[in-house]
């Protein structure tokens, strides 16, 4: 029987502003001279509610 896998999404594990900061820091370290890598990392975090300017997490 074949195993079933679901798509992996890094955003599923970014639950706080601290998680987002660590993710972005790691992406910056790994990217080297690849601007597409950074663009992809920002594309992962941009739609997250924790990253939104109107997020209650940013009010406090």
N, C-alpha and C. Protein backbone atom coordinates (compact mmCIF):
# COMPACT_ATOMS: atom_id res chain seq x y z
N UNK A 1 0.84 -1.17 0.00
CA UNK A 1 0.00 0.00 0.00
C UNK A 1 0.90 1.25 0.00
N UNK A 2 0.55 2.20 -0.84
CA UNK A 2 1.32 3.44 -0.97
C UNK A 2 1.03 4.37 0.20
N UNK A 3 2.08 5.03 0.64
CA UNK A 3 1.91 6.01 1.71
C UNK A 3 1.34 7.30 1.14
N UNK A 4 0.53 7.97 1.94
CA UNK A 4 -0.01 9.27 1.53
C UNK A 4 0.72 10.37 2.28
N UNK A 5 1.10 11.36 1.56
CA UNK A 5 1.78 12.51 2.14
C UNK A 5 0.97 13.76 1.83
N UNK A 6 0.95 14.67 2.78
CA UNK A 6 0.30 15.95 2.53
C UNK A 6 1.39 16.97 2.22
N UNK A 7 1.05 18.01 1.50
CA UNK A 7 2.05 19.03 1.18
C UNK A 7 2.60 19.67 2.45
N UNK A 8 3.90 19.94 2.45
CA UNK A 8 4.55 20.59 3.57
C UNK A 8 4.44 22.10 3.38
N UNK A 9 4.05 22.79 4.42
CA UNK A 9 3.97 24.25 4.39
C UNK A 9 4.62 24.79 5.64
N UNK A 10 5.72 25.50 5.47
CA UNK A 10 6.44 26.07 6.61
C UNK A 10 5.55 26.96 7.47
N UNK A 11 4.61 27.62 6.84
CA UNK A 11 3.72 28.55 7.55
C UNK A 11 2.90 27.85 8.63
N UNK A 12 2.68 26.55 8.47
CA UNK A 12 1.91 25.80 9.48
C UNK A 12 2.60 25.79 10.84
N UNK A 13 3.90 26.06 10.87
CA UNK A 13 4.67 25.99 12.11
C UNK A 13 5.06 27.36 12.64
N UNK A 14 4.60 28.41 12.01
CA UNK A 14 4.92 29.77 12.44
C UNK A 14 3.72 30.33 13.19
N UNK A 15 3.74 30.15 14.51
CA UNK A 15 2.57 30.47 15.33
C UNK A 15 2.71 31.73 16.16
N UNK A 16 3.86 32.39 16.08
CA UNK A 16 4.06 33.61 16.87
C UNK A 16 5.02 34.53 16.13
N UNK A 17 5.09 35.76 16.56
CA UNK A 17 6.05 36.70 15.96
C UNK A 17 7.48 36.21 16.17
N UNK A 18 7.72 35.57 17.30
CA UNK A 18 9.06 35.02 17.57
C UNK A 18 9.41 33.92 16.56
N UNK A 19 8.46 33.02 16.28
CA UNK A 19 8.67 31.98 15.28
C UNK A 19 8.98 32.58 13.92
N UNK A 20 8.23 33.62 13.55
CA UNK A 20 8.43 34.29 12.27
C UNK A 20 9.83 34.91 12.22
N UNK A 21 10.25 35.53 13.30
CA UNK A 21 11.58 36.15 13.35
C UNK A 21 12.67 35.10 13.18
N UNK A 22 12.55 33.96 13.86
CA UNK A 22 13.54 32.89 13.73
C UNK A 22 13.55 32.32 12.31
N UNK A 23 12.37 32.17 11.73
CA UNK A 23 12.27 31.66 10.36
C UNK A 23 12.97 32.60 9.38
N UNK A 24 12.69 33.89 9.51
CA UNK A 24 13.30 34.87 8.62
C UNK A 24 14.81 34.95 8.84
N UNK A 25 15.24 34.87 10.08
CA UNK A 25 16.67 34.89 10.38
C UNK A 25 17.37 33.68 9.74
N UNK A 26 16.77 32.51 9.86
CA UNK A 26 17.34 31.31 9.25
C UNK A 26 17.37 31.43 7.73
N UNK A 27 16.32 31.99 7.16
CA UNK A 27 16.28 32.17 5.70
C UNK A 27 17.38 33.12 5.24
N UNK A 28 17.60 34.19 5.98
CA UNK A 28 18.65 35.13 5.62
C UNK A 28 20.02 34.49 5.70
N UNK A 29 20.24 33.63 6.69
CA UNK A 29 21.52 32.94 6.83
C UNK A 29 21.73 31.93 5.70
N UNK A 30 20.69 31.25 5.29
CA UNK A 30 20.79 30.21 4.27
C UNK A 30 20.81 30.76 2.85
N UNK A 31 20.27 31.95 2.64
CA UNK A 31 20.06 32.47 1.29
C UNK A 31 21.35 32.75 0.54
N UNK A 32 22.37 33.18 1.26
CA UNK A 32 23.59 33.58 0.56
C UNK A 32 23.30 34.74 -0.37
N UNK A 33 23.61 34.57 -1.64
CA UNK A 33 23.40 35.62 -2.64
C UNK A 33 22.16 35.36 -3.49
N UNK A 34 21.21 34.60 -2.96
CA UNK A 34 20.03 34.21 -3.73
C UNK A 34 18.81 35.03 -3.30
N UNK A 35 18.49 36.11 -4.04
CA UNK A 35 17.35 36.94 -3.65
C UNK A 35 16.02 36.20 -3.77
N UNK A 36 15.94 35.18 -4.61
CA UNK A 36 14.70 34.41 -4.76
C UNK A 36 14.39 33.64 -3.48
N UNK A 37 15.42 33.22 -2.77
CA UNK A 37 15.24 32.50 -1.51
C UNK A 37 14.57 33.41 -0.48
N UNK A 38 15.04 34.65 -0.38
CA UNK A 38 14.46 35.62 0.55
C UNK A 38 13.04 35.97 0.13
N UNK A 39 12.83 36.13 -1.16
CA UNK A 39 11.49 36.43 -1.66
C UNK A 39 10.52 35.33 -1.29
N UNK A 40 10.95 34.09 -1.40
CA UNK A 40 10.10 32.94 -1.04
C UNK A 40 9.80 32.95 0.45
N UNK A 41 10.79 33.23 1.28
CA UNK A 41 10.59 33.28 2.73
C UNK A 41 9.59 34.37 3.11
N UNK A 42 9.72 35.52 2.50
CA UNK A 42 8.78 36.61 2.77
C UNK A 42 7.39 36.24 2.27
N UNK A 43 7.33 35.54 1.15
CA UNK A 43 6.05 35.08 0.63
C UNK A 43 5.35 34.09 1.55
N UNK A 44 6.13 33.35 2.33
CA UNK A 44 5.56 32.41 3.30
C UNK A 44 4.98 33.16 4.49
N UNK A 45 5.69 34.17 4.97
CA UNK A 45 5.24 34.84 6.20
C UNK A 45 4.25 35.98 5.96
N UNK A 46 4.27 36.58 4.78
CA UNK A 46 3.41 37.74 4.53
C UNK A 46 1.92 37.48 4.76
N UNK A 47 1.36 36.35 4.34
CA UNK A 47 -0.09 36.15 4.54
C UNK A 47 -0.48 35.72 5.96
N UNK A 48 0.49 35.47 6.80
CA UNK A 48 0.17 35.02 8.16
C UNK A 48 -0.51 36.12 8.97
N UNK A 49 -1.53 35.77 9.73
CA UNK A 49 -2.21 36.78 10.55
C UNK A 49 -1.28 37.41 11.58
N UNK A 50 -0.30 36.67 12.07
CA UNK A 50 0.64 37.20 13.06
C UNK A 50 1.53 38.29 12.47
N UNK A 51 1.66 38.30 11.16
CA UNK A 51 2.55 39.25 10.48
C UNK A 51 1.80 40.50 10.02
N UNK A 52 0.49 40.43 10.02
CA UNK A 52 -0.33 41.53 9.55
C UNK A 52 -0.23 42.75 10.47
N UNK A 53 -0.24 43.92 9.90
CA UNK A 53 -0.18 45.15 10.70
C UNK A 53 -1.42 45.32 11.57
N UNK A 54 -2.51 44.70 11.18
CA UNK A 54 -3.73 44.83 11.97
C UNK A 54 -3.92 43.68 12.97
N UNK A 55 -2.90 42.84 13.08
CA UNK A 55 -2.99 41.68 13.97
C UNK A 55 -3.02 42.12 15.44
N UNK A 56 -3.92 41.55 16.24
CA UNK A 56 -3.92 41.87 17.67
C UNK A 56 -2.60 41.54 18.37
N UNK A 57 -1.85 40.59 17.81
CA UNK A 57 -0.55 40.24 18.40
C UNK A 57 0.41 41.43 18.37
N UNK A 58 0.22 42.35 17.44
CA UNK A 58 1.11 43.50 17.32
C UNK A 58 0.64 44.69 18.15
N UNK A 59 -0.56 44.64 18.69
CA UNK A 59 -1.11 45.76 19.44
C UNK A 59 -0.45 45.92 20.80
N UNK A 60 0.00 44.83 21.38
CA UNK A 60 0.49 44.87 22.75
C UNK A 60 1.90 45.19 22.81
